[in-house]
């Protein structure tokens, strides 16, 4: 029942078909770029496989986070609790529907992997193990995202929290997977990712299968227990939220009793900000958690730099996660305010379009300046480590990456605002921003083209937002 309902909803979304088309176009581009190179088959295989893992994880986080938290946010989860379905049945149905949709996206990478087999350089065993490992990662990511979504009411918070736990797990478990110790590899859930190639698989055949079996068994057991507590916890939350506040007993008789009435004079500093800056930071939950974000980014960056070359992969994964979150934040508040008509109302106040734009930019800089600077510096250091034999190019490469990161930090908020003003839904605005900031530069320029790309695209987005902000908001409100 749940699977049929979820698949019906997914089939009506235009994004389901656009994602497949984009994946196939990317696969064709990668094939054309590698078909004539030496060792092109092997390079194409592992490049496509890495990107397939990244796409599968992002898509699984997106679908798993939305599956339950969106039901709670829109108030439709109560309808599921009225049916004869139990908590585990609801979660398993959500998992099956999300897995079917995510597997379709992952299958778009199959032609690239199969073409690399035809070009040569890889074996049929590597191809089979890559498909099994891809399905394994997809299922684990969906389970984590669904479990996190049961504790959170907003899809965006659920996605960010799921991404945080997945990146944290990769950072902590990757060093253990590199050591050639059979016992460690058998209990490490990410060992199958490092044992796909024939050279690594020959000496650790049992580790590949045992670690996968143990991780799946633990994950499904935890998933079942989470489903058993799902409906009971939701009913307790509803009862708690309906509990009325106690009536005041009368007028205060002393200064101590009257003090709570004057707590407004002790309001935090963010109430003195630009109102739209306050709104953006509230949506990001960054009024009180900004220091936690900075500390977390600093710890991850320090561990990645100190554990080079192992930390290179984890550092780039953490940088990609922060960049995706940055893109989501750049479009989320403006798109949501425009869709509800709140942005149209703000334009009639003395704040006007200049105050809205400056407030949003200020919130993005106030929230992400230090995390972005720390991540960019650590990524440049780990990236320049790859060029350490060429000492004359090492620091120039690091400085060029820092310049590209600074331009990303400047251009992404403008690109996010433009995407939010020209799309009809919040999810579509986020997706367009991620495509323009994360995906498109990687397709054609890799990291070496970030500086000119974001300089040009950022200037275009900035000029359009400043010139047509009021018109775009009015058009969106009138549709």
Protein backbone atom coordinates (compact mmCIF):
# COMPACT_ATOMS: atom_id res chain seq x y z
CA UNK A 1 0.00 0.00 0.00
CA UNK A 2 2.73 2.48 0.97
CA UNK A 3 4.97 1.45 -1.95
CA UNK A 4 2.17 1.92 -4.48
CA UNK A 5 1.30 5.36 -3.07
CA UNK A 6 4.91 6.54 -3.04
CA UNK A 7 5.62 5.35 -6.58
CA UNK A 8 2.50 7.13 -7.82
CA UNK A 9 3.74 10.38 -6.27
CA UNK A 10 7.25 9.97 -7.72
CA UNK A 11 5.94 9.18 -11.21
CA UNK A 12 4.15 12.54 -11.33
CA UNK A 13 7.30 14.55 -10.65
CA UNK A 14 9.09 15.98 -13.67
CA UNK A 15 12.40 15.82 -11.82
CA UNK A 16 12.28 12.01 -11.94
CA UNK A 17 12.74 12.09 -15.71
CA UNK A 18 15.14 15.04 -15.79
CA UNK A 19 17.54 13.28 -13.40
CA UNK A 20 17.68 10.23 -15.66
CA UNK A 21 18.30 12.38 -18.73
CA UNK A 22 21.07 14.32 -16.95
CA UNK A 23 22.74 11.08 -15.80
CA UNK A 24 22.72 9.64 -19.31
CA UNK A 25 24.13 12.89 -20.77
CA UNK A 26 26.91 12.88 -18.21
CA UNK A 27 27.66 9.22 -18.97
CA UNK A 28 27.96 9.97 -22.68
CA UNK A 29 30.30 12.92 -22.00
CA UNK A 30 32.57 10.82 -19.77
CA UNK A 31 32.68 8.05 -22.37
CA UNK A 32 33.74 10.41 -25.16
CA UNK A 33 36.47 11.94 -23.01
CA UNK A 34 38.10 8.62 -22.05
CA UNK A 35 37.61 6.32 -25.03
CA UNK A 36 40.85 7.32 -26.80
CA UNK A 37 43.15 7.71 -23.79
CA UNK A 38 45.74 5.17 -22.62
CA UNK A 39 44.23 2.97 -19.91
CA UNK A 40 41.01 4.74 -20.79
CA UNK A 41 38.84 1.79 -19.82
CA UNK A 42 40.18 1.55 -16.27
CA UNK A 43 40.21 5.32 -15.76
CA UNK A 44 36.67 5.58 -17.10
CA UNK A 45 35.52 2.73 -14.87
CA UNK A 46 36.81 4.11 -11.57
CA UNK A 47 35.87 7.70 -12.45
CA UNK A 48 32.34 6.63 -13.31
CA UNK A 49 32.17 4.40 -10.24
CA UNK A 50 33.24 7.21 -7.90
CA UNK A 51 30.68 9.57 -9.38
CA UNK A 52 28.05 6.83 -9.22
CA UNK A 53 28.71 6.42 -5.49
CA UNK A 54 28.44 10.18 -4.94
CA UNK A 55 25.21 10.45 -6.95
CA UNK A 56 23.73 7.40 -5.21
CA UNK A 57 24.52 8.76 -1.74
CA UNK A 58 23.11 12.23 -2.51
CA UNK A 59 19.98 10.81 -4.13
CA UNK A 60 19.42 8.34 -1.29
CA UNK A 61 19.80 11.10 1.32
CA UNK A 62 17.36 13.29 -0.60
CA UNK A 63 14.71 10.61 -0.99
CA UNK A 64 15.12 9.06 2.44
CA UNK A 65 14.97 12.40 4.25
CA UNK A 66 11.83 13.47 2.43
CA UNK A 67 10.00 10.14 2.80
CA UNK A 68 9.00 10.52 6.48
CA UNK A 69 9.85 14.08 7.52
CA UNK A 70 7.81 15.60 4.69
CA UNK A 71 4.79 13.59 5.84
CA UNK A 72 5.21 15.04 9.34
CA UNK A 73 5.81 18.56 8.05
CA UNK A 74 2.66 18.52 5.90
CA UNK A 75 0.53 16.76 8.56
CA UNK A 76 -0.24 13.66 6.47
CA UNK A 77 1.66 11.24 8.67
CA UNK A 78 -1.38 10.98 10.94
CA UNK A 79 -3.31 9.40 8.06
CA UNK A 80 -0.79 6.56 7.89
CA UNK A 81 -1.20 5.89 11.62
CA UNK A 82 -4.95 5.42 11.12
CA UNK A 83 -4.39 2.50 8.73
CA UNK A 84 -3.79 -1.11 9.89
CA UNK A 85 -0.10 -0.71 8.95
CA UNK A 86 2.45 -1.09 11.74
CA UNK A 87 5.52 1.09 12.20
CA UNK A 88 7.94 -1.39 10.57
CA UNK A 89 5.56 -1.84 7.62
CA UNK A 90 5.43 1.93 7.07
CA UNK A 91 9.22 2.26 7.18
CA UNK A 92 9.80 -0.77 4.94
CA UNK A 93 7.28 0.60 2.45
CA UNK A 94 9.03 3.96 2.44
CA UNK A 95 12.37 2.22 1.97
CA UNK A 96 11.14 0.09 -0.94
CA UNK A 97 9.61 3.07 -2.75
CA UNK A 98 12.71 5.24 -2.26
CA UNK A 99 15.03 2.37 -3.21
CA UNK A 100 13.19 1.69 -6.46
CA UNK A 101 13.44 5.33 -7.46
CA UNK A 102 17.09 5.63 -6.39
CA UNK A 103 18.11 2.43 -8.15
CA UNK A 104 16.79 3.87 -11.40
CA UNK A 105 19.12 6.84 -11.02
CA UNK A 106 22.05 4.57 -10.16
CA UNK A 107 21.33 2.36 -13.18
CA UNK A 108 21.99 5.34 -15.45
CA UNK A 109 25.70 4.84 -14.65
CA UNK A 110 25.58 1.22 -15.83
CA UNK A 111 26.32 2.08 -19.51
CA UNK A 112 29.57 3.83 -18.49
CA UNK A 113 30.72 0.88 -16.40
CA UNK A 114 29.75 -1.59 -19.14
CA UNK A 115 31.49 0.51 -21.82
CA UNK A 116 34.69 0.54 -19.77
CA UNK A 117 34.57 -3.27 -19.80
CA UNK A 118 34.37 -3.22 -23.60
CA UNK A 119 37.24 -0.72 -23.88
CA UNK A 120 39.41 -2.96 -21.73
CA UNK A 121 41.41 -2.67 -18.54
CA UNK A 122 38.91 -4.13 -16.07
CA UNK A 123 37.55 -7.60 -15.42
CA UNK A 124 34.00 -8.91 -15.21
CA UNK A 125 34.53 -9.55 -11.48
CA UNK A 126 35.28 -5.88 -10.86
CA UNK A 127 32.13 -4.91 -12.75
CA UNK A 128 29.97 -7.31 -10.70
CA UNK A 129 31.52 -6.23 -7.38
CA UNK A 130 31.01 -2.56 -8.25
CA UNK A 131 27.30 -3.16 -8.89
CA UNK A 132 26.95 -5.05 -5.60
CA UNK A 133 28.85 -2.37 -3.67
CA UNK A 134 26.72 0.36 -5.26
CA UNK A 135 23.50 -1.37 -4.16
CA UNK A 136 25.01 -1.93 -0.71
CA UNK A 137 25.91 1.76 -0.25
CA UNK A 138 22.52 2.84 -1.54
CA UNK A 139 20.64 0.63 0.93
CA UNK A 140 22.76 1.72 3.92
CA UNK A 141 22.34 5.40 3.04
CA UNK A 142 18.57 5.01 2.70
CA UNK A 143 18.33 3.26 6.07
CA UNK A 144 20.36 6.00 7.79
CA UNK A 145 18.33 8.77 6.13
CA UNK A 146 14.99 7.18 7.01
CA UNK A 147 16.02 6.61 10.63
CA UNK A 148 17.15 10.23 10.95
CA UNK A 149 13.96 11.47 9.25
CA UNK A 150 11.80 9.76 11.88
CA UNK A 151 13.31 12.07 14.51
CA UNK A 152 13.06 15.33 12.49
CA UNK A 153 10.02 17.19 11.19
CA UNK A 154 11.65 19.21 8.38
CA UNK A 155 13.10 17.54 5.23
CA UNK A 156 16.01 19.98 4.95
CA UNK A 157 17.14 19.39 8.52
CA UNK A 158 16.78 15.63 8.03
CA UNK A 159 18.93 15.74 4.86
CA UNK A 160 21.63 17.85 6.50
CA UNK A 161 21.74 15.67 9.59
CA UNK A 162 21.88 12.48 7.50
CA UNK A 163 24.70 13.91 5.40
CA UNK A 164 26.58 14.86 8.57
CA UNK A 165 26.41 11.35 10.02
CA UNK A 166 27.39 9.71 6.72
CA UNK A 167 30.40 12.00 6.21
CA UNK A 168 31.40 11.52 9.86
CA UNK A 169 31.27 7.75 9.40
CA UNK A 170 33.40 7.92 6.25
CA UNK A 171 35.98 10.13 7.98
CA UNK A 172 36.24 7.85 11.00
CA UNK A 173 36.15 4.49 9.22
CA UNK A 174 38.31 5.19 6.15
CA UNK A 175 41.69 4.96 8.00
CA UNK A 176 40.67 1.56 9.43
CA UNK A 177 39.80 0.21 5.96
CA UNK A 178 43.26 0.99 4.59
CA UNK A 179 45.12 -1.22 7.10
CA UNK A 180 45.65 -4.77 5.86
CA UNK A 181 44.23 -6.45 8.97
CA UNK A 182 41.63 -9.15 8.25
CA UNK A 183 39.72 -8.71 11.52
CA UNK A 184 39.39 -4.94 11.07
CA UNK A 185 38.30 -5.26 7.46
CA UNK A 186 35.61 -7.81 8.31
CA UNK A 187 33.89 -5.55 10.83
CA UNK A 188 34.40 -2.30 8.91
CA UNK A 189 31.21 -1.43 6.96
CA UNK A 190 33.07 0.52 4.25
CA UNK A 191 35.56 -2.27 3.44
CA UNK A 192 33.64 -3.35 0.28
CA UNK A 193 34.35 0.06 -1.26
CA UNK A 194 38.11 -0.56 -1.06
CA UNK A 195 37.99 -4.19 -2.22
CA UNK A 196 36.38 -3.76 -5.65
CA UNK A 197 39.60 -3.98 -7.70
CA UNK A 198 41.06 -7.44 -8.37
CA UNK A 199 44.36 -6.65 -6.65
CA UNK A 200 42.66 -5.76 -3.37
CA UNK A 201 39.99 -8.46 -3.61
CA UNK A 202 42.36 -11.42 -4.10
CA UNK A 203 43.86 -11.15 -0.63
CA UNK A 204 40.63 -10.21 1.19
CA UNK A 205 37.80 -12.17 -0.39
CA UNK A 206 36.11 -12.99 2.89
CA UNK A 207 36.39 -9.42 4.16
CA UNK A 208 34.36 -8.14 1.19
CA UNK A 209 31.40 -10.41 1.85
CA UNK A 210 31.54 -10.70 5.66
CA UNK A 211 31.71 -6.93 6.23
CA UNK A 212 28.80 -6.41 3.84
CA UNK A 213 26.70 -9.10 5.54
CA UNK A 214 27.41 -7.83 9.07
CA UNK A 215 26.67 -4.21 8.17
CA UNK A 216 23.40 -5.14 6.45
CA UNK A 217 22.32 -7.36 9.35
CA UNK A 218 22.98 -4.64 11.95
CA UNK A 219 21.38 -1.93 9.79
CA UNK A 220 18.19 -3.90 9.10
CA UNK A 221 17.85 -4.93 12.75
CA UNK A 222 18.18 -1.31 13.85
CA UNK A 223 15.76 -0.28 11.11
CA UNK A 224 13.16 -2.76 12.36
CA UNK A 225 13.52 -1.57 15.96
CA UNK A 226 13.21 2.05 14.79
CA UNK A 227 9.97 1.14 13.02
CA UNK A 228 8.54 -0.47 16.17
CA UNK A 229 9.00 2.78 18.10
CA UNK A 230 7.85 5.05 15.27
CA UNK A 231 4.10 5.30 15.86
CA UNK A 232 4.40 5.31 19.66
CA UNK A 233 6.91 8.17 19.66
CA UNK A 234 4.81 10.16 17.20
CA UNK A 235 1.70 9.83 19.40
CA UNK A 236 3.69 10.91 22.45
CA UNK A 237 4.91 13.99 20.55
CA UNK A 238 1.34 14.86 19.60
CA UNK A 239 0.11 14.51 23.17
CA UNK A 240 3.00 16.62 24.47
CA UNK A 241 2.39 19.38 21.92
CA UNK A 242 -1.30 19.56 22.88
CA UNK A 243 -0.63 19.96 26.58
CA UNK A 244 -1.88 23.41 27.61
CA UNK A 245 0.36 25.83 29.44
CA UNK A 246 -0.58 26.47 33.09
CA UNK A 247 -2.65 29.52 33.80
CA UNK A 248 -0.90 32.40 35.61
CA UNK A 249 -1.62 32.39 39.32
CA UNK A 250 -1.99 36.17 39.60
CA UNK A 251 0.04 39.34 39.64
CA UNK A 252 3.68 39.01 40.65
CA UNK A 253 4.28 39.79 44.29
CA UNK A 254 8.05 40.37 44.08
CA UNK A 255 10.85 41.40 41.73
CA UNK A 256 11.95 37.76 41.35
CA UNK A 257 8.47 36.75 40.16
CA UNK A 258 8.26 39.70 37.78
CA UNK A 259 11.71 39.19 36.24
CA UNK A 260 10.53 36.77 33.46
CA UNK A 261 8.21 39.55 32.20
CA UNK A 262 11.24 41.73 31.42
CA UNK A 263 13.40 39.09 29.72
CA UNK A 264 12.76 40.84 26.39
CA UNK A 265 15.41 43.39 27.38
CA UNK A 266 17.91 40.55 27.43
CA UNK A 267 17.10 39.47 23.86
CA UNK A 268 20.00 37.99 21.85
CA UNK A 269 21.95 40.11 19.40
CA UNK A 270 20.36 38.57 16.31
CA UNK A 271 17.12 40.46 16.99
CA UNK A 272 19.06 43.62 16.14
CA UNK A 273 20.02 42.28 12.69
CA UNK A 274 18.50 42.92 9.33
CA UNK A 275 15.13 41.07 9.52
CA UNK A 276 15.83 38.93 6.47
CA UNK A 277 19.28 38.06 7.80
CA UNK A 278 17.59 36.88 10.98
CA UNK A 279 15.07 34.87 8.94
CA UNK A 280 17.76 33.15 6.85
CA UNK A 281 19.81 32.23 9.91
CA UNK A 282 16.71 30.95 11.66
CA UNK A 283 15.91 28.65 8.72
CA UNK A 284 19.47 27.30 8.89
CA UNK A 285 19.29 26.85 12.70
CA UNK A 286 22.48 28.92 12.90
CA UNK A 287 21.58 31.40 15.64
CA UNK A 288 22.71 28.95 18.31
CA UNK A 289 24.58 26.24 16.37
CA UNK A 290 27.08 28.33 14.40
CA UNK A 291 29.96 27.61 16.79
CA UNK A 292 29.19 23.90 16.63
CA UNK A 293 29.43 24.01 12.84
CA UNK A 294 32.77 25.84 12.94
CA UNK A 295 34.20 23.39 15.51
CA UNK A 296 33.06 20.36 13.53
CA UNK A 297 34.54 21.67 10.28
CA UNK A 298 37.82 22.52 12.01
CA UNK A 299 38.14 19.04 13.55
CA UNK A 300 37.41 17.28 10.24
CA UNK A 301 39.84 19.50 8.36
CA UNK A 302 42.63 18.99 10.88
CA UNK A 303 42.19 15.21 10.83
CA UNK A 304 42.19 15.16 7.02
CA UNK A 305 45.37 17.24 6.73
CA UNK A 306 47.18 15.21 9.39
CA UNK A 307 46.26 11.86 7.81
CA UNK A 308 47.39 12.60 4.21
CA UNK A 309 47.26 10.84 1.80
CA UNK A 310 44.37 8.90 3.37
CA UNK A 311 42.66 12.13 4.35
CA UNK A 312 42.49 13.47 0.78
CA UNK A 313 39.34 11.53 -0.07
CA UNK A 314 37.61 12.39 3.20
CA UNK A 315 38.58 16.05 2.88
CA UNK A 316 37.10 16.34 -0.60
CA UNK A 317 33.96 14.50 0.56
CA UNK A 318 33.57 16.90 3.50
CA UNK A 319 34.18 19.90 1.22
CA UNK A 320 31.54 18.63 -1.21
CA UNK A 321 29.05 18.18 1.64
CA UNK A 322 29.66 21.71 2.92
CA UNK A 323 29.33 23.11 -0.61
CA UNK A 324 26.01 21.32 -1.17
CA UNK A 325 24.72 22.64 2.15
CA UNK A 326 25.91 26.12 1.13
CA UNK A 327 23.93 25.84 -2.12
CA UNK A 328 20.82 24.69 -0.27
CA UNK A 329 21.09 27.60 2.15
CA UNK A 330 21.62 30.06 -0.73
CA UNK A 331 18.24 29.17 -2.27
CA UNK A 332 16.06 27.83 0.54
CA UNK A 333 14.87 30.94 2.41
CA UNK A 334 14.35 33.11 -0.68
CA UNK A 335 12.46 30.35 -2.51
CA UNK A 336 10.27 29.59 0.49
CA UNK A 337 9.52 33.27 1.14
CA UNK A 338 8.70 33.84 -2.52
CA UNK A 339 6.41 30.82 -2.72
CA UNK A 340 4.41 31.81 0.38
CA UNK A 341 4.11 35.46 -0.69
CA UNK A 342 6.13 36.70 2.27
CA UNK A 343 8.74 38.17 -0.05
CA UNK A 344 6.07 40.20 -1.83
CA UNK A 345 4.98 41.58 1.54
CA UNK A 346 8.54 42.56 2.47
CA UNK A 347 8.84 44.65 -0.68
CA UNK A 348 6.05 46.90 0.60
CA UNK A 349 8.01 47.66 3.80
CA UNK A 350 10.93 50.10 4.19
CA UNK A 351 13.23 47.05 3.89
CA UNK A 352 12.52 46.84 0.11
CA UNK A 353 14.56 44.70 -2.27
CA UNK A 354 17.91 46.17 -1.20
CA UNK A 355 17.35 45.16 2.42
CA UNK A 356 16.23 41.65 1.46
CA UNK A 357 19.25 41.05 -0.76
CA UNK A 358 21.77 42.53 1.67
CA UNK A 359 20.24 40.63 4.58
CA UNK A 360 20.43 37.31 2.78
CA UNK A 361 24.04 37.90 1.70
CA UNK A 362 24.97 38.96 5.24
CA UNK A 363 23.40 35.81 6.71
CA UNK A 364 25.29 33.57 4.29
CA UNK A 365 28.59 35.28 5.05
CA UNK A 366 28.01 35.33 8.81
CA UNK A 367 27.14 31.62 8.86
CA UNK A 368 29.57 30.12 6.36
CA UNK A 369 32.60 32.46 6.29
CA UNK A 370 34.73 30.59 8.84
CA UNK A 371 33.65 27.03 7.86
CA UNK A 372 34.25 27.86 4.19
CA UNK A 373 37.66 29.42 4.87
CA UNK A 374 38.81 26.46 7.00
CA UNK A 375 37.59 23.90 4.45
CA UNK A 376 39.11 25.79 1.49
CA UNK A 377 42.49 26.03 3.23
CA UNK A 378 42.50 22.35 4.20
CA UNK A 379 41.38 21.28 0.71
CA UNK A 380 44.13 23.36 -0.89
CA UNK A 381 46.76 21.83 1.41
CA UNK A 382 45.61 18.26 0.77
CA UNK A 383 45.26 18.96 -2.96
CA UNK A 384 48.73 20.47 -3.22
CA UNK A 385 50.08 17.33 -1.52
CA UNK A 386 49.33 15.50 -4.78
CA UNK A 387 51.76 17.84 -6.60
CA UNK A 388 54.52 17.65 -4.01
CA UNK A 389 57.11 16.24 -6.50
CA UNK A 390 56.74 19.42 -8.57
CA UNK A 391 57.72 21.96 -5.90
CA UNK A 392 57.41 24.91 -8.28
CA UNK A 393 53.73 24.13 -8.91
CA UNK A 394 52.66 23.04 -5.44
CA UNK A 395 51.95 26.42 -3.83
CA UNK A 396 50.70 27.99 -7.07
CA UNK A 397 48.13 25.23 -7.30
CA UNK A 398 47.08 25.79 -3.67
CA UNK A 399 46.70 29.54 -4.21
CA UNK A 400 44.68 28.99 -7.37
CA UNK A 401 42.32 26.63 -5.51
CA UNK A 402 41.93 29.25 -2.75
CA UNK A 403 41.04 31.90 -5.35
CA UNK A 404 38.45 29.56 -6.87
CA UNK A 405 36.99 28.81 -3.41
CA UNK A 406 36.74 32.56 -2.64
CA UNK A 407 34.84 33.13 -5.89
CA UNK A 408 32.51 30.22 -5.11
CA UNK A 409 31.79 31.76 -1.72
CA UNK A 410 31.00 35.10 -3.38
CA UNK A 411 28.99 33.79 -6.36
CA UNK A 412 26.90 30.96 -4.85
CA UNK A 413 24.51 33.21 -2.84
CA UNK A 414 23.74 35.24 -5.98
CA UNK A 415 23.22 32.08 -8.03
CA UNK A 416 20.96 30.67 -5.30
CA UNK A 417 18.85 33.83 -5.18
CA UNK A 418 18.50 33.87 -8.96
CA UNK A 419 17.46 30.20 -8.99
CA UNK A 420 14.94 30.85 -6.20
CA UNK A 421 13.40 33.78 -8.08
CA UNK A 422 13.07 31.92 -11.37
CA UNK A 423 11.73 28.52 -10.21
CA UNK A 424 8.33 27.56 -8.83
CA UNK A 425 9.27 25.22 -5.99
CA UNK A 426 11.81 25.22 -3.18
CA UNK A 427 13.21 21.81 -4.13
CA UNK A 428 13.70 22.87 -7.74
CA UNK A 429 15.51 26.04 -6.67
CA UNK A 430 17.91 24.00 -4.53
CA UNK A 431 18.49 21.49 -7.33
CA UNK A 432 19.23 24.22 -9.90
CA UNK A 433 21.67 25.88 -7.50
CA UNK A 434 23.49 22.60 -6.84
CA UNK A 435 23.69 21.89 -10.58
CA UNK A 436 25.12 25.34 -11.39
CA UNK A 437 27.57 25.43 -8.48
CA UNK A 438 28.60 21.81 -7.93
CA UNK A 439 27.87 19.76 -11.05
CA UNK A 440 28.37 21.98 -14.13
CA UNK A 441 31.91 23.20 -13.25
CA UNK A 442 32.99 19.60 -12.55
CA UNK A 443 31.69 18.37 -15.91
CA UNK A 444 33.75 20.66 -18.12
CA UNK A 445 36.36 22.45 -16.01
CA UNK A 446 37.08 20.22 -13.00
CA UNK A 447 38.63 22.38 -10.26
CA UNK A 448 40.94 24.32 -12.55
CA UNK A 449 38.11 26.31 -14.12
CA UNK A 450 36.38 27.41 -10.91
CA UNK A 451 37.88 30.92 -10.83
CA UNK A 452 36.81 32.13 -14.32
CA UNK A 453 33.52 30.19 -14.25
CA UNK A 454 32.26 31.62 -10.97
CA UNK A 455 33.55 35.09 -11.78
CA UNK A 456 31.46 35.17 -14.98
CA UNK A 457 28.37 33.33 -13.70
CA UNK A 458 28.41 35.25 -10.40
CA UNK A 459 28.51 38.62 -12.17
CA UNK A 460 25.62 37.60 -14.44
CA UNK A 461 23.50 36.35 -11.51
CA UNK A 462 24.29 39.45 -9.43
CA UNK A 463 23.31 41.85 -12.20
CA UNK A 464 20.02 40.04 -12.91
CA UNK A 465 19.06 39.87 -9.20
CA UNK A 466 19.83 43.54 -8.60
CA UNK A 467 18.05 44.67 -11.78
CA UNK A 468 14.96 42.42 -11.85
CA UNK A 469 14.41 41.43 -8.21
CA UNK A 470 11.06 43.18 -7.78
CA UNK A 471 9.76 42.01 -11.17
CA UNK A 472 10.71 38.37 -10.55
CA UNK A 473 9.08 38.37 -7.12
CA UNK A 474 5.87 39.89 -8.51
CA UNK A 475 5.74 37.37 -11.37
CA UNK A 476 6.19 34.48 -8.98
CA UNK A 477 3.43 35.74 -6.70
CA UNK A 478 1.02 36.25 -9.58
CA UNK A 479 1.47 32.71 -11.01
